[in-house]
Each structure stands twice: as C-alpha cells, then as structure tokens.
Protein backbone atom coordinates (compact mmCIF):
# COMPACT_ATOMS: atom_id res chain seq x y z
CA MET A 1 102.04 56.62 36.96
CA CYS A 2 99.91 58.83 34.68
CA ARG A 3 101.31 61.95 33.02
CA GLY A 4 100.55 65.03 35.14
CA GLN A 5 99.83 63.02 38.26
CA SER A 6 101.23 64.37 41.49
CA SER A 7 103.84 61.76 42.65
CA SER A 8 103.74 62.99 46.26
CA LEU A 9 100.04 62.27 46.70
CA ASN A 10 99.86 58.95 44.84
CA ILE A 11 96.17 59.43 43.94
CA HIS A 12 94.50 59.46 40.55
CA VAL A 13 91.49 61.71 40.31
CA THR A 14 89.46 62.01 37.11
CA ARG A 15 87.06 64.97 36.70
CA SER A 16 84.03 62.69 37.06
CA LYS A 17 85.28 61.29 40.37
CA TYR A 18 86.52 64.64 41.60
CA LYS A 19 83.23 65.66 43.30
CA GLN A 20 82.60 62.17 44.69
CA LEU A 21 85.89 62.09 46.56
CA THR A 22 85.40 62.68 50.33
CA ALA A 23 87.70 63.81 53.06
CA ARG A 24 88.11 60.20 54.13
CA ASP A 25 89.48 59.21 50.75
CA SER A 26 91.64 62.38 50.51
CA PRO A 27 95.36 61.73 51.18
CA LEU A 28 95.61 65.12 52.88
CA GLY A 29 92.55 64.58 55.06
CA VAL A 30 91.05 67.67 53.37
CA PRO A 31 88.03 67.68 51.08
CA PRO A 32 89.06 68.24 47.50
CA TYR A 33 86.94 71.34 47.07
CA LEU A 34 88.99 72.98 49.80
CA ARG A 35 92.32 72.18 48.14
CA CYS A 36 93.83 74.40 45.46
CA GLY A 37 95.01 72.76 42.28
CA LYS A 38 94.84 72.93 38.46
CA TRP A 39 93.41 70.45 36.05
CA ARG A 40 96.06 68.93 33.91
CA THR A 41 95.08 67.01 30.72
CA GLY A 42 96.96 63.87 29.67
CA TRP A 43 96.34 60.24 28.60
CA CYS A 44 96.57 57.60 31.28
CA SER A 45 96.12 53.84 31.47
CA GLU A 46 93.01 53.89 33.71
CA GLY A 47 90.91 55.49 30.93
CA GLY A 48 90.65 58.97 32.48
CA ARG A 49 91.81 61.92 30.46
CA GLU A 50 91.97 64.70 32.85
CA GLU A 51 93.30 64.61 36.37
CA GLN A 52 93.62 67.05 39.22
CA THR A 53 96.93 67.87 40.97
CA ALA A 54 96.11 68.68 44.60
CA GLY A 55 97.96 70.93 46.99
CA ILE A 56 97.40 72.52 50.34
CA MET A 57 94.80 75.30 50.42
CA LYS A 58 96.24 78.75 49.84
CA LEU A 59 94.77 81.45 52.12
CA ASN A 60 95.78 84.59 50.20
CA PRO A 61 94.57 84.62 46.57
CA PHE A 62 96.81 87.53 45.75
CA VAL A 63 100.12 85.70 46.63
CA THR A 64 101.19 83.24 43.93
CA SER A 65 102.63 79.84 44.76
CA SER A 66 103.92 79.27 41.25
CA ARG A 67 107.51 78.05 41.22
CA ARG A 68 108.03 79.84 37.87
CA LYS A 69 106.71 83.24 39.05
CA ASN A 70 108.56 83.06 42.36
CA ARG A 71 111.89 82.24 40.65
CA LYS A 72 111.33 85.10 38.16
CA ARG A 73 110.74 87.59 41.05
CA HIS A 74 113.77 86.23 42.91
CA PHE A 75 116.18 86.69 40.05
CA ASN A 76 114.73 89.95 38.73
CA ALA A 77 114.40 91.59 42.14
CA PRO A 78 115.64 95.20 42.50
CA SER A 79 118.50 96.15 44.82
CA HIS A 80 116.36 97.13 47.83
CA ILE A 81 114.46 93.91 47.84
CA ARG A 82 117.77 91.92 47.37
CA ARG A 83 119.14 93.70 50.47
CA LYS A 84 116.27 92.19 52.52
CA ILE A 85 116.64 88.70 50.96
CA MET A 86 120.32 88.84 51.84
CA SER A 87 119.77 88.73 55.59
CA SER A 88 121.74 86.60 58.02
CA PRO A 89 120.85 85.32 61.44
CA LEU A 90 122.52 86.76 64.50
CA SER A 91 124.60 84.79 66.91
CA LYS A 92 122.95 83.65 70.20
CA GLU A 93 124.80 86.39 72.15
CA LEU A 94 123.58 89.17 69.80
CA ARG A 95 120.11 87.78 69.69
CA GLN A 96 119.87 88.00 73.51
CA LYS A 97 121.43 91.48 73.57
CA TYR A 98 119.26 93.06 70.87
CA ASN A 99 116.16 90.76 70.87
CA VAL A 100 116.46 90.59 67.02
CA ARG A 101 116.69 87.32 65.14
CA SER A 102 118.24 88.43 61.76
CA MET A 103 119.55 91.48 59.93
CA PRO A 104 120.36 92.40 56.35
CA ILE A 105 124.10 91.86 56.04
CA ARG A 106 126.50 94.73 55.25
CA LYS A 107 130.19 95.39 54.63
CA ASP A 108 132.35 95.27 57.77
CA ASP A 109 130.03 92.95 59.72
CA GLU A 110 131.92 90.06 61.35
CA VAL A 111 130.53 86.65 60.44
CA GLN A 112 131.23 82.95 60.85
CA VAL A 113 130.42 80.39 58.13
CA VAL A 114 128.23 77.55 59.63
CA ARG A 115 127.17 75.65 56.47
CA GLY A 116 128.86 74.25 53.40
CA HIS A 117 132.49 73.58 52.45
CA TYR A 118 134.00 76.49 54.46
CA LYS A 119 132.07 76.01 57.68
CA GLY A 120 133.81 76.09 61.02
CA GLN A 121 136.55 78.51 59.89
CA GLN A 122 137.51 81.42 62.05
CA ILE A 123 135.42 84.59 62.21
CA GLY A 124 136.07 87.09 59.32
CA LYS A 125 134.94 90.41 58.13
CA VAL A 126 132.62 90.95 55.24
CA VAL A 127 134.70 92.45 52.45
CA GLN A 128 131.90 92.93 49.84
CA VAL A 129 128.17 92.37 49.51
CA TYR A 130 127.54 91.38 45.93
CA ARG A 131 123.77 91.75 45.44
CA LYS A 132 123.81 90.85 41.77
CA LYS A 133 124.91 87.24 42.53
CA TYR A 134 123.33 87.05 46.02
CA VAL A 135 126.68 86.30 47.65
CA ILE A 136 129.06 87.90 50.14
CA TYR A 137 132.85 87.85 50.23
CA ILE A 138 134.59 87.19 53.52
CA GLU A 139 138.27 87.78 54.33
CA ARG A 140 140.20 84.52 54.66
CA VAL A 141 137.57 82.60 52.71
CA GLN A 142 139.59 82.27 49.55
CA ARG A 143 140.73 79.75 46.95
CA GLU A 144 143.67 79.57 44.57
CA LYS A 145 143.13 79.75 40.82
CA ALA A 146 145.00 77.65 38.26
CA ASN A 147 147.31 80.57 37.49
CA GLY A 148 148.26 80.96 41.15
CA THR A 149 146.15 84.03 42.08
CA THR A 150 143.88 83.87 45.10
CA VAL A 151 140.26 84.95 44.89
CA HIS A 152 137.38 85.33 47.41
CA VAL A 153 134.74 82.68 47.31
CA GLY A 154 131.13 83.80 47.24
CA ILE A 155 129.07 82.62 50.24
CA HIS A 156 125.25 82.94 50.51
CA PRO A 157 124.24 85.10 53.54
CA SER A 158 121.98 82.35 54.91
CA LYS A 159 125.05 80.16 55.39
CA VAL A 160 126.70 82.50 57.91
CA VAL A 161 125.95 83.82 61.40
CA ILE A 162 126.64 87.48 62.28
CA THR A 163 128.92 87.56 65.37
CA ARG A 164 129.50 91.35 65.40
CA LEU A 165 127.52 94.15 63.86
CA LYS A 166 128.85 97.29 62.19
CA LEU A 167 126.79 99.81 64.06
CA ASP A 168 125.92 103.33 63.07
CA LYS A 169 122.92 105.52 64.00
CA ASP A 170 120.69 104.13 61.16
CA ARG A 171 121.42 100.54 62.05
CA LYS A 172 120.73 101.24 65.77
CA LYS A 173 117.30 102.63 64.79
CA ILE A 174 116.58 99.49 62.71
CA LEU A 175 117.55 97.26 65.71
CA GLU A 176 115.32 99.25 68.07
CA ARG A 177 112.39 99.16 65.68
CA LYS A 178 112.75 95.38 65.15
CA ALA A 179 113.09 94.69 68.84
CA LYS A 180 109.96 96.81 69.61
CA SER A 181 107.85 95.04 66.97
CA ARG A 182 109.11 91.63 68.28
CA ALA A 183 108.14 92.58 71.92
CA ASP A 184 104.69 93.83 70.71
CA GLY A 185 104.07 90.62 68.81
CA LYS A 186 104.67 88.59 72.00
CA GLU A 187 102.07 90.64 73.84
CA LYS A 188 99.56 90.41 71.01
CA GLY A 189 96.47 88.45 71.95
CA LYS A 190 97.11 88.54 75.69
CA TYR A 191 94.64 90.01 78.08
CA LYS A 192 95.64 93.17 79.91
CA GLU A 193 95.20 93.49 83.75
CA GLU A 194 92.33 96.02 83.33
CA THR A 195 90.53 93.68 80.90
CA ILE A 196 90.88 90.69 83.34
CA GLU A 197 89.52 92.81 86.22
CA LYS A 198 86.49 93.84 84.13
CA MET A 199 85.82 90.22 83.23
CA GLN A 200 85.98 89.14 86.84
CA GLU A 201 83.44 91.80 87.94
C-alpha cells in the first residue's frame, strides 16, 4: 500500500487519473469531483507521486471534519458546552412520560450504569458531575485503593441511563421546551387539513 493511501477505500488515484475516474470506477459510487478530500504527496510503487484520499461529501463548508480540530474543541470546551456534551439518555418510562430522549446530567439524578465494567448494578444517585474530566461519580460505584481507602470510579454520562430526574422549575421548563420542539419536528413537512382541502378543490 502506498504512503498516504486511504486503506478503507483500497484505491490508488494519481492526479492525472483523478479527472478520468468515473462514478462507475468509484468505490463509493460517487464521482470524485463530488467527494471531499485532500491531496497527499508521497512516493509509491506504481510511479505516481500524488494521490487523493477520498471521503464522503461534506454539506456544510463551515463545519470541520478534521479529527485534530474536533479533538481540540472537545478537550478545550468551556463549562457550558461540557454540560451539553455530558448528557445521558432517559429510561423508557421517562421517555414516554416527558417525550424527551436525553438530558444534561446533574447531581442528585438517579442513574443506572448500562455499559462497561460496572453495568447492571443497582440504581444509584449522582454524587458529583466532574466536567473537567467528563465523568460523573455515582454512589455505590466504588473501588478499593491499595492503602485500603474506597474511592468513587468516574463513569462517562453516555454509559448510564437516567431513571429518575431531580426536578426544579428550571428543569421542568427545559423538559417542556424539548418536548414541544420534538412534537413540532414530527409535524414538520406534513400537510395541514386546510392545505389538503385547498389542493382538492
């Protein structure tokens, strides 16, 4: 395999061949001029010097798909953005009750771990939301240190399901707002009765 070649696509494209490649030859079934990608230079055995790494077309030019930039933004995110990232899905019962899929997690929510080493344990309260490390601490999810003391184990919020919400007036407003936007989204694009009547006339 040539240096800089995309291993997932298994195709070698030199700059001279780039414009000749058709949708039929393309591994993605998309013409190369519609795919985003950068030219990478490097020596290869077939004699070509430059090759193109192809990817799926990006629709919004202002949103980066660079792994480096996305990681930088994730680990340098301010606290109010981290709050949103640290959201957890609601249990089936809560989802039916509030018509909301997920919520930013907070202290005193009751959660159940559903992924990882500690999954399947009984429901416990969130003791602390530690945004700096993107983890939450749950009561009874602990381990013993070498010196005998017990410490809470950090769990990522995506690995838990919220079984009971700590509700106050602000959180109720958030739930109402999210449920309303979810209901509006389902109605979006559907014809109203008046519109159908006008079309039938």
